[in-house]
PDB file of all heavy atoms in Angstrom:
ATOM      1  N   PRO A   1      28.609  10.165   6.847  1.00  0.00           N
ATOM      2  CA  PRO A   1      28.441   9.578   5.543  1.00  0.00           C
ATOM      3  C   PRO A   1      28.735   8.098   5.449  1.00  0.00           C
ATOM      4  O   PRO A   1      28.311   7.378   4.504  1.00  0.00           O
ATOM      5  CB  PRO A   1      29.314  10.381   4.582  1.00  0.00           C
ATOM      6  CG  PRO A   1      30.331  11.001   5.516  1.00  0.00           C
ATOM      7  CD  PRO A   1      29.622  11.252   6.829  1.00  0.00           C
ATOM      8  N   GLN A   2      29.474   7.566   6.434  1.00  0.00           N
ATOM      9  CA  GLN A   2      29.813   6.132   6.398  1.00  0.00           C
ATOM     10  C   GLN A   2      28.594   5.201   6.527  1.00  0.00           C
ATOM     11  O   GLN A   2      28.627   4.056   6.250  1.00  0.00           O
ATOM     12  CB  GLN A   2      30.832   5.762   7.477  1.00  0.00           C
ATOM     13  CG  GLN A   2      30.350   5.853   8.914  1.00  0.00           C
ATOM     14  CD  GLN A   2      30.486   7.276   9.507  1.00  0.00           C
ATOM     15  OE1 GLN A   2      30.861   8.221   8.811  1.00  0.00           O
ATOM     16  NE2 GLN A   2      30.164   7.401  10.723  1.00  0.00           N
ATOM     17  N   PHE A   3      27.446   5.785   6.993  1.00  0.00           N
ATOM     18  CA  PHE A   3      26.228   4.953   7.146  1.00  0.00           C
ATOM     19  C   PHE A   3      25.806   4.385   5.754  1.00  0.00           C
ATOM     20  O   PHE A   3      25.232   3.327   5.722  1.00  0.00           O
ATOM     21  CB  PHE A   3      25.073   5.802   7.726  1.00  0.00           C
ATOM     22  CG  PHE A   3      25.150   5.997   9.207  1.00  0.00           C
ATOM     23  CD1 PHE A   3      24.581   7.096   9.814  1.00  0.00           C
ATOM     24  CD2 PHE A   3      25.844   5.055   9.974  1.00  0.00           C
ATOM     25  CE1 PHE A   3      24.676   7.236  11.203  1.00  0.00           C
ATOM     26  CE2 PHE A   3      25.912   5.191  11.323  1.00  0.00           C
ATOM     27  CZ  PHE A   3      25.349   6.309  11.989  1.00  0.00           C
ATOM     28  N   LEU A   4      26.109   5.108   4.696  1.00  0.00           N
ATOM     29  CA  LEU A   4      25.724   4.617   3.381  1.00  0.00           C
ATOM     30  C   LEU A   4      26.851   3.776   2.739  1.00  0.00           C
ATOM     31  O   LEU A   4      26.623   3.176   1.712  1.00  0.00           O
ATOM     32  CB  LEU A   4      25.423   5.795   2.426  1.00  0.00           C
ATOM     33  CG  LEU A   4      23.937   6.216   2.245  1.00  0.00           C
ATOM     34  CD1 LEU A   4      23.846   7.265   1.137  1.00  0.00           C
ATOM     35  CD2 LEU A   4      23.105   4.978   1.879  1.00  0.00           C
ATOM     36  N   LEU A   5      27.951   3.693   3.463  1.00  0.00           N
ATOM     37  CA  LEU A   5      29.042   2.911   2.895  1.00  0.00           C
ATOM     38  C   LEU A   5      28.688   1.415   2.863  1.00  0.00           C
ATOM     39  O   LEU A   5      29.222   0.681   2.044  1.00  0.00           O
ATOM     40  CB  LEU A   5      30.297   3.101   3.791  1.00  0.00           C
ATOM     41  CG  LEU A   5      31.634   2.442   3.318  1.00  0.00           C
ATOM     42  CD1 LEU A   5      31.982   3.009   1.941  1.00  0.00           C
ATOM     43  CD2 LEU A   5      32.704   2.753   4.310  1.00  0.00           C
ATOM     44  N   GLU A   6      27.767   0.986   3.680  1.00  0.00           N
ATOM     45  CA  GLU A   6      27.404  -0.433   3.702  1.00  0.00           C
ATOM     46  C   GLU A   6      26.977  -0.969   2.359  1.00  0.00           C
ATOM     47  O   GLU A   6      27.409  -2.024   1.907  1.00  0.00           O
ATOM     48  CB  GLU A   6      26.264  -0.651   4.707  1.00  0.00           C
ATOM     49  CG  GLU A   6      25.760  -2.100   4.806  1.00  0.00           C
ATOM     50  CD  GLU A   6      24.659  -2.255   5.872  1.00  0.00           C
ATOM     51  OE1 GLU A   6      24.206  -1.291   6.442  1.00  0.00           O
ATOM     52  OE2 GLU A   6      24.301  -3.473   6.059  1.00  0.00           O
ATOM     53  N   ALA A   7      26.125  -0.199   1.664  1.00  0.00           N
ATOM     54  CA  ALA A   7      25.644  -0.646   0.339  1.00  0.00           C
ATOM     55  C   ALA A   7      26.772  -0.689  -0.645  1.00  0.00           C
ATOM     56  O   ALA A   7      26.870  -1.642  -1.468  1.00  0.00           O
ATOM     57  CB  ALA A   7      24.532   0.266  -0.161  1.00  0.00           C
ATOM     58  N   ASP A   8      27.642   0.289  -0.596  1.00  0.00           N
ATOM     59  CA  ASP A   8      28.812   0.316  -1.464  1.00  0.00           C
ATOM     60  C   ASP A   8      29.723  -0.827  -1.227  1.00  0.00           C
ATOM     61  O   ASP A   8      30.281  -1.413  -2.160  1.00  0.00           O
ATOM     62  CB  ASP A   8      29.537   1.680  -1.301  1.00  0.00           C
ATOM     63  CG  ASP A   8      30.694   1.814  -2.287  1.00  0.00           C
ATOM     64  OD1 ASP A   8      30.421   1.749  -3.536  1.00  0.00           O
ATOM     65  OD2 ASP A   8      31.826   2.018  -1.851  1.00  0.00           O
ATOM     66  N   LEU A   9      29.899  -1.171   0.018  1.00  0.00           N
ATOM     67  CA  LEU A   9      30.833  -2.284   0.357  1.00  0.00           C
ATOM     68  C   LEU A   9      30.230  -3.659  -0.124  1.00  0.00           C
ATOM     69  O   LEU A   9      30.897  -4.485  -0.696  1.00  0.00           O
ATOM     70  CB  LEU A   9      30.968  -2.359   1.878  1.00  0.00           C
ATOM     71  CG  LEU A   9      31.935  -1.378   2.510  1.00  0.00           C
ATOM     72  CD1 LEU A   9      31.806  -1.458   4.071  1.00  0.00           C
ATOM     73  CD2 LEU A   9      33.372  -1.620   2.125  1.00  0.00           C
ATOM     74  N   LEU A  10      28.933  -3.855   0.150  1.00  0.00           N
ATOM     75  CA  LEU A  10      28.334  -5.174  -0.099  1.00  0.00           C
ATOM     76  C   LEU A  10      27.899  -5.466  -1.559  1.00  0.00           C
ATOM     77  O   LEU A  10      27.798  -6.578  -1.914  1.00  0.00           O
ATOM     78  CB  LEU A  10      27.059  -5.303   0.801  1.00  0.00           C
ATOM     79  CG  LEU A  10      27.275  -5.383   2.336  1.00  0.00           C
ATOM     80  CD1 LEU A  10      25.966  -5.433   3.019  1.00  0.00           C
ATOM     81  CD2 LEU A  10      28.115  -6.535   2.683  1.00  0.00           C
ATOM     82  N   LYS A  11      27.810  -4.381  -2.366  1.00  0.00           N
ATOM     83  CA  LYS A  11      27.218  -4.562  -3.692  1.00  0.00           C
ATOM     84  C   LYS A  11      28.041  -5.496  -4.540  1.00  0.00           C
ATOM     85  O   LYS A  11      27.526  -6.191  -5.426  1.00  0.00           O
ATOM     86  CB  LYS A  11      26.990  -3.266  -4.345  1.00  0.00           C
ATOM     87  CG  LYS A  11      28.286  -2.460  -4.681  1.00  0.00           C
ATOM     88  CD  LYS A  11      27.943  -1.161  -5.336  1.00  0.00           C
ATOM     89  CE  LYS A  11      29.258  -0.393  -5.661  1.00  0.00           C
ATOM     90  NZ  LYS A  11      28.943   0.956  -6.228  1.00  0.00           N
ATOM     91  N   ASN A  12      29.377  -5.547  -4.315  1.00  0.00           N
ATOM     92  CA  ASN A  12      30.265  -6.333  -5.142  1.00  0.00           C
ATOM     93  C   ASN A  12      30.791  -7.599  -4.428  1.00  0.00           C
ATOM     94  O   ASN A  12      31.619  -8.312  -4.981  1.00  0.00           O
ATOM     95  CB  ASN A  12      31.457  -5.533  -5.667  1.00  0.00           C
ATOM     96  CG  ASN A  12      31.005  -4.363  -6.554  1.00  0.00           C
ATOM     97  OD1 ASN A  12      30.112  -4.582  -7.432  1.00  0.00           O
ATOM     98  ND2 ASN A  12      31.556  -3.157  -6.349  1.00  0.00           N
ATOM     99  N   LEU A  13      30.294  -7.839  -3.236  1.00  0.00           N
ATOM    100  CA  LEU A  13      30.830  -9.017  -2.443  1.00  0.00           C
ATOM    101  C   LEU A  13      29.917 -10.210  -2.734  1.00  0.00           C
ATOM    102  O   LEU A  13      28.730 -10.126  -2.744  1.00  0.00           O
ATOM    103  CB  LEU A  13      30.817  -8.698  -0.965  1.00  0.00           C
ATOM    104  CG  LEU A  13      31.719  -7.546  -0.531  1.00  0.00           C
ATOM    105  CD1 LEU A  13      31.640  -7.324   0.970  1.00  0.00           C
ATOM    106  CD2 LEU A  13      33.132  -7.729  -0.963  1.00  0.00           C
ATOM    107  N   LYS A  14      30.540 -11.361  -2.966  1.00  0.00           N
ATOM    108  CA  LYS A  14      29.855 -12.626  -3.183  1.00  0.00           C
ATOM    109  C   LYS A  14      30.470 -13.727  -2.315  1.00  0.00           C
ATOM    110  O   LYS A  14      31.527 -14.220  -2.540  1.00  0.00           O
ATOM    111  CB  LYS A  14      29.991 -13.042  -4.686  1.00  0.00           C
ATOM    112  CG  LYS A  14      29.451 -11.995  -5.657  1.00  0.00           C
ATOM    113  CD  LYS A  14      27.936 -11.819  -5.534  1.00  0.00           C
ATOM    114  CE  LYS A  14      27.414 -10.806  -6.540  1.00  0.00           C
ATOM    115  NZ  LYS A  14      25.980 -10.524  -6.358  1.00  0.00           N
ATOM    116  N   HIS A  15      29.749 -13.934  -1.214  1.00  0.00           N
ATOM    117  CA  HIS A  15      30.246 -14.996  -0.241  1.00  0.00           C
ATOM    118  C   HIS A  15      29.021 -15.520   0.475  1.00  0.00           C
ATOM    119  O   HIS A  15      28.091 -14.747   0.852  1.00  0.00           O
ATOM    120  CB  HIS A  15      31.187 -14.343   0.752  1.00  0.00           C
ATOM    121  CG  HIS A  15      31.901 -15.342   1.651  1.00  0.00           C
ATOM    122  ND1 HIS A  15      31.267 -15.948   2.717  1.00  0.00           N
ATOM    123  CD2 HIS A  15      33.176 -15.860   1.611  1.00  0.00           C
ATOM    124  CE1 HIS A  15      32.097 -16.723   3.299  1.00  0.00           C
ATOM    125  NE2 HIS A  15      33.265 -16.693   2.650  1.00  0.00           N
ATOM    126  N   PRO A  16      28.929 -16.859   0.701  1.00  0.00           N
ATOM    127  CA  PRO A  16      27.726 -17.398   1.381  1.00  0.00           C
ATOM    128  C   PRO A  16      27.560 -16.891   2.794  1.00  0.00           C
ATOM    129  O   PRO A  16      26.453 -17.002   3.345  1.00  0.00           O
ATOM    130  CB  PRO A  16      28.000 -18.927   1.400  1.00  0.00           C
ATOM    131  CG  PRO A  16      29.487 -19.071   1.159  1.00  0.00           C
ATOM    132  CD  PRO A  16      29.904 -17.876   0.251  1.00  0.00           C
ATOM    133  N   GLY A  17      28.578 -16.321   3.368  1.00  0.00           N
ATOM    134  CA  GLY A  17      28.498 -15.800   4.752  1.00  0.00           C
ATOM    135  C   GLY A  17      28.187 -14.326   4.797  1.00  0.00           C
ATOM    136  O   GLY A  17      28.256 -13.693   5.863  1.00  0.00           O
ATOM    137  N   ILE A  18      27.813 -13.701   3.618  1.00  0.00           N
ATOM    138  CA  ILE A  18      27.574 -12.241   3.573  1.00  0.00           C
ATOM    139  C   ILE A  18      26.216 -12.030   2.844  1.00  0.00           C
ATOM    140  O   ILE A  18      26.016 -12.609   1.754  1.00  0.00           O
ATOM    141  CB  ILE A  18      28.692 -11.529   2.789  1.00  0.00           C
ATOM    142  CG1 ILE A  18      30.012 -11.652   3.558  1.00  0.00           C
ATOM    143  CG2 ILE A  18      28.326 -10.011   2.641  1.00  0.00           C
ATOM    144  CD1 ILE A  18      31.183 -11.096   2.843  1.00  0.00           C
ATOM    145  N   PRO A  19      25.289 -11.262   3.421  1.00  0.00           N
ATOM    146  CA  PRO A  19      24.033 -11.010   2.721  1.00  0.00           C
ATOM    147  C   PRO A  19      24.160 -10.369   1.408  1.00  0.00           C
ATOM    148  O   PRO A  19      25.101  -9.553   1.169  1.00  0.00           O
ATOM    149  CB  PRO A  19      23.254 -10.095   3.721  1.00  0.00           C
ATOM    150  CG  PRO A  19      23.993 -10.229   5.033  1.00  0.00           C
ATOM    151  CD  PRO A  19      25.427 -10.522   4.662  1.00  0.00           C
ATOM    152  N   THR A  20      23.276 -10.666   0.428  1.00  0.00           N
ATOM    153  CA  THR A  20      23.278 -10.026  -0.819  1.00  0.00           C
ATOM    154  C   THR A  20      22.535  -8.758  -0.864  1.00  0.00           C
ATOM    155  O   THR A  20      21.438  -8.654  -0.274  1.00  0.00           O
ATOM    156  CB  THR A  20      22.659 -11.031  -1.887  1.00  0.00           C
ATOM    157  OG1 THR A  20      23.390 -12.273  -1.907  1.00  0.00           O
ATOM    158  CG2 THR A  20      22.610 -10.387  -3.260  1.00  0.00           C
ATOM    159  N   ILE A  21      23.096  -7.736  -1.429  1.00  0.00           N
ATOM    160  CA  ILE A  21      22.427  -6.417  -1.651  1.00  0.00           C
ATOM    161  C   ILE A  21      21.681  -6.469  -2.984  1.00  0.00           C
ATOM    162  O   ILE A  21      22.201  -6.744  -4.025  1.00  0.00           O
ATOM    163  CB  ILE A  21      23.438  -5.250  -1.650  1.00  0.00           C
ATOM    164  CG1 ILE A  21      23.986  -5.039  -0.284  1.00  0.00           C
ATOM    165  CG2 ILE A  21      22.747  -3.987  -2.153  1.00  0.00           C
ATOM    166  CD1 ILE A  21      23.046  -4.388   0.737  1.00  0.00           C
ATOM    167  N   TYR A  22      20.375  -6.178  -2.896  1.00  0.00           N
ATOM    168  CA  TYR A  22      19.539  -6.225  -4.134  1.00  0.00           C
ATOM    169  C   TYR A  22      19.345  -4.848  -4.738  1.00  0.00           C
ATOM    170  O   TYR A  22      19.257  -4.705  -5.950  1.00  0.00           O
ATOM    171  CB  TYR A  22      18.127  -6.836  -3.815  1.00  0.00           C
ATOM    172  CG  TYR A  22      18.234  -8.271  -3.403  1.00  0.00           C
ATOM    173  CD1 TYR A  22      17.928  -8.687  -2.107  1.00  0.00           C
ATOM    174  CD2 TYR A  22      18.603  -9.283  -4.285  1.00  0.00           C
ATOM    175  CE1 TYR A  22      17.997 -10.011  -1.711  1.00  0.00           C
ATOM    176  CE2 TYR A  22      18.671 -10.613  -3.974  1.00  0.00           C
ATOM    177  CZ  TYR A  22      18.344 -10.952  -2.636  1.00  0.00           C
ATOM    178  OH  TYR A  22      18.442 -12.287  -2.288  1.00  0.00           O
ATOM    179  N   ASP A  23      19.272  -3.815  -3.876  1.00  0.00           N
ATOM    180  CA  ASP A  23      18.933  -2.504  -4.464  1.00  0.00           C
ATOM    181  C   ASP A  23      19.092  -1.431  -3.395  1.00  0.00           C
ATOM    182  O   ASP A  23      19.208  -1.761  -2.162  1.00  0.00           O
ATOM    183  CB  ASP A  23      17.487  -2.476  -4.927  1.00  0.00           C
ATOM    184  CG  ASP A  23      17.255  -1.456  -6.046  1.00  0.00           C
ATOM    185  OD1 ASP A  23      18.234  -0.657  -6.309  1.00  0.00           O
ATOM    186  OD2 ASP A  23      16.182  -1.385  -6.575  1.00  0.00           O
ATOM    187  N   VAL A  24      19.250  -0.187  -3.852  1.00  0.00           N
ATOM    188  CA  VAL A  24      19.252   0.962  -2.904  1.00  0.00           C
ATOM    189  C   VAL A  24      18.280   1.988  -3.510  1.00  0.00           C
ATOM    190  O   VAL A  24      18.363   2.341  -4.665  1.00  0.00           O
ATOM    191  CB  VAL A  24      20.685   1.629  -2.804  1.00  0.00           C
ATOM    192  CG1 VAL A  24      20.600   2.857  -1.904  1.00  0.00           C
ATOM    193  CG2 VAL A  24      21.695   0.664  -2.252  1.00  0.00           C
ATOM    194  N   GLU A  25      17.328   2.444  -2.651  1.00  0.00           N
ATOM    195  CA  GLU A  25      16.355   3.433  -3.096  1.00  0.00           C
ATOM    196  C   GLU A  25      16.356   4.580  -2.150  1.00  0.00           C
ATOM    197  O   GLU A  25      17.037   4.556  -1.056  1.00  0.00           O
ATOM    198  CB  GLU A  25      14.977   2.764  -3.127  1.00  0.00           C
ATOM    199  CG  GLU A  25      14.836   1.616  -4.065  1.00  0.00           C
ATOM    200  CD  GLU A  25      13.433   1.034  -4.110  1.00  0.00           C
ATOM    201  OE1 GLU A  25      12.533   1.623  -3.459  1.00  0.00           O
ATOM    202  OE2 GLU A  25      13.203   0.022  -4.792  1.00  0.00           O
ATOM    203  N   GLU A  26      15.678   5.688  -2.505  1.00  0.00           N
ATOM    204  CA  GLU A  26      15.589   6.836  -1.659  1.00  0.00           C
ATOM    205  C   GLU A  26      14.313   7.604  -1.876  1.00  0.00           C
ATOM    206  O   GLU A  26      13.681   7.501  -2.946  1.00  0.00           O
ATOM    207  CB  GLU A  26      16.823   7.739  -1.889  1.00  0.00           C
ATOM    208  CG  GLU A  26      16.907   8.338  -3.252  1.00  0.00           C
ATOM    209  CD  GLU A  26      18.066   9.285  -3.396  1.00  0.00           C
ATOM    210  OE1 GLU A  26      18.085  10.380  -2.726  1.00  0.00           O
ATOM    211  OE2 GLU A  26      18.983   8.990  -4.200  1.00  0.00           O
ATOM    212  N   ASP A  27      13.955   8.385  -0.876  1.00  0.00           N
ATOM    213  CA  ASP A  27      12.902   9.346  -1.076  1.00  0.00           C
ATOM    214  C   ASP A  27      13.412  10.724  -0.465  1.00  0.00           C
ATOM    215  O   ASP A  27      14.596  10.844  -0.303  1.00  0.00           O
ATOM    216  CB  ASP A  27      11.528   8.898  -0.405  1.00  0.00           C
ATOM    217  CG  ASP A  27      11.737   8.594   1.082  1.00  0.00           C
ATOM    218  OD1 ASP A  27      12.664   9.103   1.749  1.00  0.00           O
ATOM    219  OD2 ASP A  27      10.989   7.758   1.645  1.00  0.00           O
ATOM    220  N   ASN A  28      12.499  11.609  -0.176  1.00  0.00           N
ATOM    221  CA  ASN A  28      12.951  12.927   0.237  1.00  0.00           C
ATOM    222  C   ASN A  28      13.697  12.855   1.653  1.00  0.00           C
ATOM    223  O   ASN A  28      14.530  13.733   1.920  1.00  0.00           O
ATOM    224  CB  ASN A  28      11.793  13.904   0.327  1.00  0.00           C
ATOM    225  CG  ASN A  28      11.262  14.164  -0.991  1.00  0.00           C
ATOM    226  OD1 ASN A  28      11.970  14.184  -2.006  1.00  0.00           O
ATOM    227  ND2 ASN A  28       9.942  14.564  -1.101  1.00  0.00           N
ATOM    228  N   GLU A  29      13.370  11.909   2.447  1.00  0.00           N
ATOM    229  CA  GLU A  29      13.873  11.892   3.841  1.00  0.00           C
ATOM    230  C   GLU A  29      14.855  10.762   4.127  1.00  0.00           C
ATOM    231  O   GLU A  29      15.653  10.887   5.050  1.00  0.00           O
ATOM    232  CB  GLU A  29      12.685  11.828   4.828  1.00  0.00           C
ATOM    233  CG  GLU A  29      11.768  13.011   4.697  1.00  0.00           C
ATOM    234  CD  GLU A  29      10.611  12.860   5.694  1.00  0.00           C
ATOM    235  OE1 GLU A  29      10.400  11.746   6.230  1.00  0.00           O
ATOM    236  OE2 GLU A  29       9.898  13.882   5.942  1.00  0.00           O
ATOM    237  N   ASN A  30      14.744   9.631   3.403  1.00  0.00           N
ATOM    238  CA  ASN A  30      15.477   8.458   3.791  1.00  0.00           C
ATOM    239  C   ASN A  30      16.177   7.727   2.590  1.00  0.00           C
ATOM    240  O   ASN A  30      15.756   7.894   1.459  1.00  0.00           O
ATOM    241  CB  ASN A  30      14.591   7.404   4.504  1.00  0.00           C
ATOM    242  CG  ASN A  30      13.889   7.983   5.666  1.00  0.00           C
ATOM    243  OD1 ASN A  30      14.499   8.289   6.653  1.00  0.00           O
ATOM    244  ND2 ASN A  30      12.551   8.123   5.601  1.00  0.00           N
ATOM    245  N   TYR A  31      17.199   6.975   2.941  1.00  0.00           N
ATOM    246  CA  TYR A  31      17.798   6.016   2.017  1.00  0.00           C
ATOM    247  C   TYR A  31      17.221   4.673   2.421  1.00  0.00           C
ATOM    248  O   TYR A  31      16.988   4.387   3.623  1.00  0.00           O
ATOM    249  CB  TYR A  31      19.295   5.998   2.058  1.00  0.00           C
ATOM    250  CG  TYR A  31      19.908   7.272   1.466  1.00  0.00           C
ATOM    251  CD1 TYR A  31      20.499   8.157   2.312  1.00  0.00           C
ATOM    252  CD2 TYR A  31      19.969   7.416   0.067  1.00  0.00           C
ATOM    253  CE1 TYR A  31      21.115   9.308   1.749  1.00  0.00           C
ATOM    254  CE2 TYR A  31      20.594   8.601  -0.450  1.00  0.00           C
ATOM    255  CZ  TYR A  31      21.134   9.516   0.405  1.00  0.00           C
ATOM    256  OH  TYR A  31      21.750  10.613  -0.134  1.00  0.00           O
ATOM    257  N   TYR A  32      17.121   3.730   1.478  1.00  0.00           N
ATOM    258  CA  TYR A  32      16.642   2.381   1.787  1.00  0.00           C
ATOM    259  C   TYR A  32      17.602   1.320   1.145  1.00  0.00           C
ATOM    260  O   TYR A  32      17.773   1.322  -0.071  1.00  0.00           O
ATOM    261  CB  TYR A  32      15.214   2.115   1.262  1.00  0.00           C
ATOM    262  CG  TYR A  32      14.222   3.053   1.830  1.00  0.00           C
ATOM    263  CD1 TYR A  32      13.924   4.267   1.177  1.00  0.00           C
ATOM    264  CD2 TYR A  32      13.541   2.815   2.991  1.00  0.00           C
ATOM    265  CE1 TYR A  32      12.995   5.158   1.672  1.00  0.00           C
ATOM    266  CE2 TYR A  32      12.609   3.687   3.533  1.00  0.00           C
ATOM    267  CZ  TYR A  32      12.359   4.871   2.849  1.00  0.00           C
ATOM    268  OH  TYR A  32      11.437   5.750   3.376  1.00  0.00           O
ATOM    269  N   ILE A  33      18.210   0.500   2.005  1.00  0.00           N
ATOM    270  CA  ILE A  33      19.063  -0.570   1.472  1.00  0.00           C
ATOM    271  C   ILE A  33      18.273  -1.855   1.531  1.00  0.00           C
ATOM    272  O   ILE A  33      17.878  -2.314   2.589  1.00  0.00           O
ATOM    273  CB  ILE A  33      20.361  -0.714   2.303  1.00  0.00           C
ATOM    274  CG1 ILE A  33      21.112   0.617   2.322  1.00  0.00           C
ATOM    275  CG2 ILE A  33      21.214  -1.857   1.808  1.00  0.00           C
ATOM    276  CD1 ILE A  33      22.340   0.592   3.237  1.00  0.00           C
ATOM    277  N   ILE A  34      18.023  -2.460   0.384  1.00  0.00           N
ATOM    278  CA  ILE A  34      17.270  -3.698   0.305  1.00  0.00           C
ATOM    279  C   ILE A  34      18.237  -4.834   0.201  1.00  0.00           C
ATOM    280  O   ILE A  34      18.988  -4.919  -0.791  1.00  0.00           O
ATOM    281  CB  ILE A  34      16.270  -3.679  -0.877  1.00  0.00           C
ATOM    282  CG1 ILE A  34      15.209  -2.591  -0.694  1.00  0.00           C
ATOM    283  CG2 ILE A  34      15.573  -5.039  -0.981  1.00  0.00           C
ATOM    284  CD1 ILE A  34      15.509  -1.350  -1.404  1.00  0.00           C
ATOM    285  N   GLU A  35      18.205  -5.745   1.074  1.00  0.00           N
ATOM    286  CA  GLU A  35      19.190  -6.892   1.092  1.00  0.00           C
ATOM    287  C   GLU A  35      18.507  -8.189   1.472  1.00  0.00           C
ATOM    288  O   GLU A  35      17.317  -8.215   1.877  1.00  0.00           O
ATOM    289  CB  GLU A  35      20.373  -6.591   2.033  1.00  0.00           C
ATOM    290  CG  GLU A  35      19.974  -6.433   3.502  1.00  0.00           C
ATOM    291  CD  GLU A  35      21.203  -6.087   4.308  1.00  0.00           C
ATOM    292  OE1 GLU A  35      21.757  -4.964   4.165  1.00  0.00           O
ATOM    293  OE2 GLU A  35      21.551  -6.917   5.197  1.00  0.00           O
ATOM    294  N   GLU A  36      19.288  -9.239   1.262  1.00  0.00           N
ATOM    295  CA  GLU A  36      18.772 -10.580   1.594  1.00  0.00           C
ATOM    296  C   GLU A  36      18.341 -10.671   3.068  1.00  0.00           C
ATOM    297  O   GLU A  36      19.088 -10.181   3.985  1.00  0.00           O
ATOM    298  CB  GLU A  36      19.924 -11.567   1.352  1.00  0.00           C
ATOM    299  CG  GLU A  36      19.636 -13.015   1.684  1.00  0.00           C
ATOM    300  CD  GLU A  36      20.875 -13.898   1.514  1.00  0.00           C
ATOM    301  OE1 GLU A  36      21.967 -13.383   1.160  1.00  0.00           O
ATOM    302  OE2 GLU A  36      20.744 -15.132   1.653  1.00  0.00           O
ATOM    303  N   TYR A  37      17.209 -11.313   3.317  1.00  0.00           N
ATOM    304  CA  TYR A  37      16.777 -11.545   4.693  1.00  0.00           C
ATOM    305  C   TYR A  37      17.357 -12.805   5.200  1.00  0.00           C
ATOM    306  O   TYR A  37      17.174 -13.892   4.644  1.00  0.00           O
ATOM    307  CB  TYR A  37      15.201 -11.555   4.734  1.00  0.00           C
ATOM    308  CG  TYR A  37      14.679 -12.035   6.062  1.00  0.00           C
ATOM    309  CD1 TYR A  37      15.032 -11.319   7.230  1.00  0.00           C
ATOM    310  CD2 TYR A  37      13.834 -13.117   6.180  1.00  0.00           C
ATOM    311  CE1 TYR A  37      14.547 -11.713   8.465  1.00  0.00           C
ATOM    312  CE2 TYR A  37      13.333 -13.497   7.394  1.00  0.00           C
ATOM    313  CZ  TYR A  37      13.699 -12.814   8.560  1.00  0.00           C
ATOM    314  OH  TYR A  37      13.213 -13.215   9.761  1.00  0.00           O
TER     315      TYR A  37
END
């Protein structure tokens, strides 16, 4: 379950050296973490 911890960790972090998390989506088979490129 720690694979999904990334979104939980990043969603509240604000630092120029850390990518911004924009959203988390899912379908029947996968989770999708959408973040700054």
